[in-house]
Amino acid sequence: MPEGQPKSLNEQFIPEIAAVGLPWRLMVFSGVLFGLSILIYFGMSIGYKSYLEAKSASMDSQLEELSNSISQKEQQKFVGFYSQIVNLKSVLDKHIFSANIFSFLEKNALPHTFYTEANFNSTSYSLELNGRVPSLQALAQQLAQLEKAPEIHSAMLESTNFNQGGTVDFIISLNFQPEYLAKPI
């Protein structure tokens, strides 16, 4: 055929010859992997399982030997001691640390405030403070100091009484945050 003339359709599109060996090789490779995984599975289930059972039996015998070395009386004493420790922990977890109140008052009392009496109610986390200040302005400053403290849920002035010397007696009720009294400072 001269150049420049179109080739026939059969000449333009040559059919591709499929590689016959590729799917066969892939199938053999997959079969070998499958066989190997089955071999490993049965090796583990038969060989390793018996090894683990032997180890478990050995540990059981050692544990039995150890438990026989400690007398029954000593075991009961240990269980009693452990029970006491657990009970003590549960009691201390529920314990209210009222000593935190002293550090709170020390930190938040203004210099001109004098406390005369304090009554603490552990069920309501409330503290009633009786005290004396030189003036109403000093009382207002002390109440503001107590209200802004993060340990306090609420602070309320219960009563005031003016004395002849110009001083003011007061009663303030404080409600503490339960978290503040739950652990020692």
Protein backbone atom coordinates (compact mmCIF):
# COMPACT_ATOMS: atom_id res chain seq x y z
CA MET A 1 0.00 0.00 0.00
CA PRO A 2 1.24 3.39 -0.80
CA GLU A 3 1.89 5.81 1.93
CA GLY A 4 -0.82 8.25 2.80
CA GLN A 5 -3.65 5.79 2.16
CA PRO A 6 -5.61 4.67 5.16
CA LYS A 7 -4.92 1.18 6.44
CA SER A 8 -7.66 -1.33 6.74
CA LEU A 9 -9.54 -1.62 9.97
CA ASN A 10 -7.82 -4.90 10.88
CA GLU A 11 -4.43 -3.39 10.33
CA GLN A 12 -5.19 -0.28 12.41
CA PHE A 13 -6.51 -2.16 15.44
CA ILE A 14 -4.38 -5.15 16.32
CA PRO A 15 -6.08 -7.27 18.96
CA GLU A 16 -4.09 -7.55 22.21
CA ILE A 17 -3.03 -10.97 23.30
CA ALA A 18 -4.00 -11.68 26.91
CA ALA A 19 -1.31 -12.93 29.24
CA VAL A 20 -2.57 -16.38 30.19
CA GLY A 21 -0.05 -16.91 33.01
CA LEU A 22 -0.99 -13.92 35.20
CA PRO A 23 -4.35 -15.13 36.63
CA TRP A 24 -2.89 -18.62 37.18
CA ARG A 25 0.09 -17.23 39.11
CA LEU A 26 -2.16 -15.00 41.22
CA MET A 27 -4.33 -18.02 42.08
CA VAL A 28 -1.28 -20.08 43.13
CA PHE A 29 0.07 -17.19 45.25
CA SER A 30 -3.32 -16.75 46.97
CA GLY A 31 -3.55 -20.50 47.64
CA VAL A 32 -0.06 -20.53 49.17
CA LEU A 33 -0.97 -17.59 51.46
CA PHE A 34 -4.22 -19.28 52.47
CA GLY A 35 -2.47 -22.57 53.19
CA LEU A 36 0.23 -20.78 55.19
CA SER A 37 -2.37 -18.93 57.29
CA ILE A 38 -4.21 -22.21 58.01
CA LEU A 39 -0.92 -23.82 58.98
CA ILE A 40 -0.11 -20.95 61.34
CA TYR A 41 -3.60 -21.08 62.87
CA PHE A 42 -3.43 -24.79 63.63
CA GLY A 43 0.15 -24.46 64.87
CA MET A 44 -0.92 -21.75 67.30
CA SER A 45 -4.06 -23.53 68.42
CA ILE A 46 -2.32 -26.86 69.01
CA GLY A 47 1.22 -25.92 70.01
CA TYR A 48 0.85 -22.56 71.73
CA LYS A 49 -2.41 -23.50 73.44
CA SER A 50 -0.77 -26.50 75.11
CA TYR A 51 2.18 -24.29 76.13
CA LEU A 52 -0.19 -21.75 77.73
CA GLU A 53 -2.13 -24.48 79.53
CA ALA A 54 1.11 -25.90 80.94
CA LYS A 55 2.15 -22.41 82.11
CA SER A 56 -1.28 -21.89 83.69
CA ALA A 57 -1.05 -25.19 85.54
CA SER A 58 2.43 -24.26 86.75
CA MET A 59 1.19 -20.89 88.03
CA ASP A 60 -1.79 -22.54 89.73
CA SER A 61 0.50 -24.95 91.55
CA GLN A 62 2.78 -22.08 92.63
CA LEU A 63 -0.25 -20.12 93.86
CA GLU A 64 -1.51 -23.14 95.78
CA GLU A 65 1.93 -23.61 97.31
CA LEU A 66 2.02 -19.93 98.32
CA SER A 67 -1.45 -20.04 99.87
CA ASN A 68 -0.47 -23.13 101.85
CA SER A 69 2.64 -21.34 103.19
CA ILE A 70 0.43 -18.70 104.90
CA SER A 71 -1.69 -20.00 107.76
CA GLN A 72 -5.46 -19.59 107.80
CA LYS A 73 -5.23 -17.39 110.91
CA GLU A 74 -2.78 -15.01 109.19
CA GLN A 75 -5.01 -14.85 106.13
CA GLN A 76 -7.98 -13.89 108.31
CA LYS A 77 -5.91 -11.23 110.08
CA PHE A 78 -4.87 -9.79 106.74
CA VAL A 79 -8.46 -9.72 105.45
CA GLY A 80 -9.55 -8.00 108.68
CA PHE A 81 -6.79 -5.41 108.36
CA TYR A 82 -7.63 -4.78 104.72
CA SER A 83 -11.30 -4.37 105.62
CA GLN A 84 -10.38 -1.78 108.25
CA ILE A 85 -8.30 0.16 105.73
CA VAL A 86 -11.16 0.20 103.21
CA ASN A 87 -13.64 1.32 105.88
CA LEU A 88 -11.28 4.06 107.05
CA LYS A 89 -10.87 5.32 103.49
CA SER A 90 -14.65 5.51 103.00
CA VAL A 91 -15.03 7.42 106.30
CA LEU A 92 -12.25 9.87 105.38
CA ASP A 93 -13.73 10.43 101.92
CA LYS A 94 -16.94 11.66 103.57
CA HIS A 95 -15.14 13.61 106.33
CA ILE A 96 -15.61 17.36 106.44
CA PHE A 97 -12.40 19.22 107.17
CA SER A 98 -13.73 21.98 109.40
CA ALA A 99 -10.18 23.10 110.11
CA ASN A 100 -10.31 24.75 106.68
CA ILE A 101 -12.58 27.37 108.27
CA PHE A 102 -9.74 28.69 110.44
CA SER A 103 -7.46 29.27 107.48
CA PHE A 104 -10.36 30.89 105.62
CA LEU A 105 -11.07 33.29 108.49
CA GLU A 106 -7.38 34.09 108.88
CA LYS A 107 -7.09 34.89 105.19
CA ASN A 108 -10.33 36.91 104.88
CA ALA A 109 -10.62 38.78 108.19
CA LEU A 110 -9.83 42.46 107.95
CA PRO A 111 -7.50 43.91 110.63
CA HIS A 112 -10.24 45.88 112.41
CA THR A 113 -12.63 42.90 112.70
CA PHE A 114 -12.83 41.01 115.97
CA TYR A 115 -14.73 37.68 116.07
CA THR A 116 -16.28 36.71 119.39
CA GLU A 117 -18.10 33.46 118.53
CA ALA A 118 -18.45 30.98 115.67
CA ASN A 119 -20.97 28.16 115.23
CA PHE A 120 -20.48 25.66 112.40
CA ASN A 121 -23.22 23.37 111.02
CA SER A 122 -21.58 20.50 109.12
CA THR A 123 -24.77 19.28 107.43
CA SER A 124 -25.54 22.61 105.76
CA TYR A 125 -21.89 23.79 105.48
CA SER A 126 -22.89 27.04 107.20
CA LEU A 127 -20.98 29.14 109.70
CA GLU A 128 -22.52 31.78 111.94
CA LEU A 129 -19.99 34.42 113.01
CA ASN A 130 -20.51 36.87 115.86
CA GLY A 131 -18.11 39.76 116.01
CA ARG A 132 -17.36 43.41 116.57
CA VAL A 133 -16.11 46.16 114.25
CA PRO A 134 -15.36 49.85 114.92
CA SER A 135 -17.99 51.20 112.45
CA LEU A 136 -20.67 50.37 109.91
CA GLN A 137 -18.20 51.14 107.12
CA ALA A 138 -15.80 48.53 108.53
CA LEU A 139 -18.68 46.05 108.71
CA ALA A 140 -19.57 46.72 105.06
CA GLN A 141 -15.92 46.19 104.04
CA GLN A 142 -15.75 42.92 105.99
CA LEU A 143 -19.01 41.65 104.47
CA ALA A 144 -17.80 42.56 100.96
CA GLN A 145 -14.51 40.73 101.63
CA LEU A 146 -16.38 37.60 102.69
CA GLU A 147 -18.85 37.71 99.76
CA LYS A 148 -16.12 37.87 97.12
CA ALA A 149 -14.26 34.84 98.51
CA PRO A 150 -14.52 31.85 96.12
CA GLU A 151 -14.95 29.45 99.07
CA ILE A 152 -18.27 31.06 100.00
CA HIS A 153 -21.56 30.19 98.37
CA SER A 154 -23.42 33.01 100.11
CA ALA A 155 -22.86 35.53 102.91
CA MET A 156 -25.67 37.29 104.74
CA LEU A 157 -25.73 39.90 107.48
CA GLU A 158 -28.16 38.58 110.10
CA SER A 159 -28.15 41.40 112.66
CA THR A 160 -26.30 44.45 113.95
CA ASN A 161 -26.21 46.13 117.34
CA PHE A 162 -24.71 49.55 118.03
CA ASN A 163 -22.71 49.87 121.27
CA GLN A 164 -22.14 52.96 123.42
CA GLY A 165 -18.46 53.13 122.49
CA GLY A 166 -19.34 53.50 118.78
CA THR A 167 -18.52 49.90 117.93
CA VAL A 168 -20.94 47.61 116.10
CA ASP A 169 -21.69 44.02 117.09
CA PHE A 170 -22.79 41.81 114.19
CA ILE A 171 -23.88 38.33 113.22
CA ILE A 172 -22.98 37.10 109.72
CA SER A 173 -24.11 33.79 108.27
CA LEU A 174 -21.76 32.16 105.73
CA ASN A 175 -22.55 29.16 103.51
CA PHE A 176 -19.41 27.40 102.29
CA GLN A 177 -18.94 25.57 99.00
CA PRO A 178 -19.00 21.83 99.88
CA GLU A 179 -15.86 21.23 97.78
CA TYR A 180 -13.88 23.60 99.99
CA LEU A 181 -14.55 21.52 103.09
CA ALA A 182 -14.14 18.16 101.35
CA LYS A 183 -10.33 18.02 101.46
CA PRO A 184 -7.64 19.45 103.72
CA ILE A 185 -5.80 22.54 102.66
